[in-house]
């Protein structure tokens, strides 16, 4: 796992208030803003409700471009549509 992806996992766990056994991106959508928003479906375990949907913001590309988990929905299913949301 790359250090960037590990940082996003750590942020997601903190925001969700739980730890994840797995952390594998399944699909994503992106939106150009003053930077980039990523809406990501992630498998975090082995049950039917072991998915999370995360909204991750990436600041404009520069030497210190950062990723920040801005919202997360837990208890999602693999079949749940990946649609925009807020916390």
C-alpha atoms as a PDB file:
ATOM      1  CA  UNK A   1       0.000   0.000   0.000  1.00  0.00           C
ATOM      2  CA  UNK A   2       1.495   3.328  -0.975  1.00  0.00           C
ATOM      3  CA  UNK A   3       2.044   5.912   1.722  1.00  0.00           C
ATOM      4  CA  UNK A   4      -0.566   8.208   0.120  1.00  0.00           C
ATOM      5  CA  UNK A   5      -3.214   5.473   0.138  1.00  0.00           C
ATOM      6  CA  UNK A   6      -2.243   4.595   3.735  1.00  0.00           C
ATOM      7  CA  UNK A   7      -2.790   8.232   4.771  1.00  0.00           C
ATOM      8  CA  UNK A   8      -6.260   8.184   3.194  1.00  0.00           C
ATOM      9  CA  UNK A   9      -7.039   4.892   5.012  1.00  0.00           C
ATOM     10  CA  UNK A  10      -5.925   6.396   8.321  1.00  0.00           C
ATOM     11  CA  UNK A  11      -8.104   9.478   7.742  1.00  0.00           C
ATOM     12  CA  UNK A  12     -11.080   7.298   6.725  1.00  0.00           C
ATOM     13  CA  UNK A  13     -10.750   5.138   9.851  1.00  0.00           C
ATOM     14  CA  UNK A  14     -10.574   8.229  12.061  1.00  0.00           C
ATOM     15  CA  UNK A  15     -13.615   9.809  10.389  1.00  0.00           C
ATOM     16  CA  UNK A  16     -15.610   6.529  10.586  1.00  0.00           C
ATOM     17  CA  UNK A  17     -14.503   5.798  14.162  1.00  0.00           C
ATOM     18  CA  UNK A  18     -13.468   2.234  13.311  1.00  0.00           C
ATOM     19  CA  UNK A  19     -10.612   0.247  11.804  1.00  0.00           C
ATOM     20  CA  UNK A  20     -10.894  -1.547   8.483  1.00  0.00           C
ATOM     21  CA  UNK A  21      -9.658  -5.117   7.871  1.00  0.00           C
ATOM     22  CA  UNK A  22      -9.282  -4.414   4.154  1.00  0.00           C
ATOM     23  CA  UNK A  23      -9.038  -1.223   2.139  1.00  0.00           C
ATOM     24  CA  UNK A  24      -9.468  -1.807  -1.588  1.00  0.00           C
ATOM     25  CA  UNK A  25     -10.937   0.773  -3.959  1.00  0.00           C
ATOM     26  CA  UNK A  26     -13.664  -0.783  -6.142  1.00  0.00           C
ATOM     27  CA  UNK A  27     -14.763   2.167  -8.265  1.00  0.00           C
ATOM     28  CA  UNK A  28     -14.619   5.943  -8.230  1.00  0.00           C
ATOM     29  CA  UNK A  29     -15.974   9.120  -9.791  1.00  0.00           C
ATOM     30  CA  UNK A  30     -14.208  12.447 -10.040  1.00  0.00           C
ATOM     31  CA  UNK A  31     -15.276  16.086 -10.174  1.00  0.00           C
ATOM     32  CA  UNK A  32     -13.076  19.034 -11.073  1.00  0.00           C
ATOM     33  CA  UNK A  33     -13.409  21.877  -8.560  1.00  0.00           C
ATOM     34  CA  UNK A  34     -10.703  24.214  -7.246  1.00  0.00           C
ATOM     35  CA  UNK A  35      -8.746  20.977  -7.077  1.00  0.00           C
ATOM     36  CA  UNK A  36     -10.376  17.547  -7.487  1.00  0.00           C
ATOM     37  CA  UNK A  37     -13.114  15.694  -5.612  1.00  0.00           C
ATOM     38  CA  UNK A  38     -13.038  11.898  -5.716  1.00  0.00           C
ATOM     39  CA  UNK A  39     -16.058   9.826  -4.738  1.00  0.00           C
ATOM     40  CA  UNK A  40     -14.705   6.340  -4.005  1.00  0.00           C
ATOM     41  CA  UNK A  41     -16.359   2.993  -3.164  1.00  0.00           C
ATOM     42  CA  UNK A  42     -13.992   0.970  -0.968  1.00  0.00           C
ATOM     43  CA  UNK A  43     -14.253  -2.639   0.220  1.00  0.00           C
ATOM     44  CA  UNK A  44     -13.265  -2.686   3.905  1.00  0.00           C
ATOM     45  CA  UNK A  45     -14.159  -6.250   4.965  1.00  0.00           C
ATOM     46  CA  UNK A  46     -15.705  -9.544   3.934  1.00  0.00           C
ATOM     47  CA  UNK A  47     -19.439  -9.070   4.597  1.00  0.00           C
ATOM     48  CA  UNK A  48     -22.177  -7.709   2.333  1.00  0.00           C
ATOM     49  CA  UNK A  49     -22.192  -4.401   4.238  1.00  0.00           C
ATOM     50  CA  UNK A  50     -18.393  -4.049   4.324  1.00  0.00           C
ATOM     51  CA  UNK A  51     -18.179  -1.114   1.940  1.00  0.00           C
ATOM     52  CA  UNK A  52     -17.716   2.577   2.519  1.00  0.00           C
ATOM     53  CA  UNK A  53     -18.263   5.512   0.224  1.00  0.00           C
ATOM     54  CA  UNK A  54     -15.702   8.281   0.698  1.00  0.00           C
ATOM     55  CA  UNK A  55     -15.453  11.811  -0.580  1.00  0.00           C
ATOM     56  CA  UNK A  56     -11.773  12.746  -0.913  1.00  0.00           C
ATOM     57  CA  UNK A  57     -10.570  16.227  -1.862  1.00  0.00           C
ATOM     58  CA  UNK A  58      -7.211  16.792  -3.554  1.00  0.00           C
ATOM     59  CA  UNK A  59      -5.878  20.333  -3.563  1.00  0.00           C
ATOM     60  CA  UNK A  60      -4.571  21.860  -6.756  1.00  0.00           C
ATOM     61  CA  UNK A  61      -1.363  20.250  -7.975  1.00  0.00           C
ATOM     62  CA  UNK A  62       1.632  21.917  -6.416  1.00  0.00           C
ATOM     63  CA  UNK A  63       4.650  20.701  -4.463  1.00  0.00           C
ATOM     64  CA  UNK A  64       2.466  20.104  -1.370  1.00  0.00           C
ATOM     65  CA  UNK A  65      -0.746  18.801  -2.982  1.00  0.00           C
ATOM     66  CA  UNK A  66      -2.735  16.983  -0.301  1.00  0.00           C
ATOM     67  CA  UNK A  67      -5.584  14.468  -0.059  1.00  0.00           C
ATOM     68  CA  UNK A  68      -8.267  14.910   2.608  1.00  0.00           C
ATOM     69  CA  UNK A  69     -11.203  12.621   3.417  1.00  0.00           C
ATOM     70  CA  UNK A  70     -14.050  15.122   3.739  1.00  0.00           C
ATOM     71  CA  UNK A  71     -16.995  12.708   4.174  1.00  0.00           C
ATOM     72  CA  UNK A  72     -17.597   8.982   4.637  1.00  0.00           C
ATOM     73  CA  UNK A  73     -20.641   6.696   4.653  1.00  0.00           C
ATOM     74  CA  UNK A  74     -20.216   3.308   6.339  1.00  0.00           C
ATOM     75  CA  UNK A  75     -22.362   0.160   6.162  1.00  0.00           C
ATOM     76  CA  UNK A  76     -22.720   0.399   2.414  1.00  0.00           C
ATOM     77  CA  UNK A  77     -23.269  -2.604   0.125  1.00  0.00           C
ATOM     78  CA  UNK A  78     -21.428  -3.464  -3.084  1.00  0.00           C
ATOM     79  CA  UNK A  79     -24.641  -2.870  -5.069  1.00  0.00           C
ATOM     80  CA  UNK A  80     -25.303   0.578  -3.564  1.00  0.00           C
ATOM     81  CA  UNK A  81     -24.946   3.290  -6.226  1.00  0.00           C
ATOM     82  CA  UNK A  82     -22.022   5.664  -5.881  1.00  0.00           C
ATOM     83  CA  UNK A  83     -23.761   9.040  -5.646  1.00  0.00           C
ATOM     84  CA  UNK A  84     -22.621  12.393  -4.234  1.00  0.00           C
ATOM     85  CA  UNK A  85     -23.289  13.015  -0.528  1.00  0.00           C
ATOM     86  CA  UNK A  86     -22.158  15.186   2.367  1.00  0.00           C
ATOM     87  CA  UNK A  87     -21.586  14.476   6.055  1.00  0.00           C
END
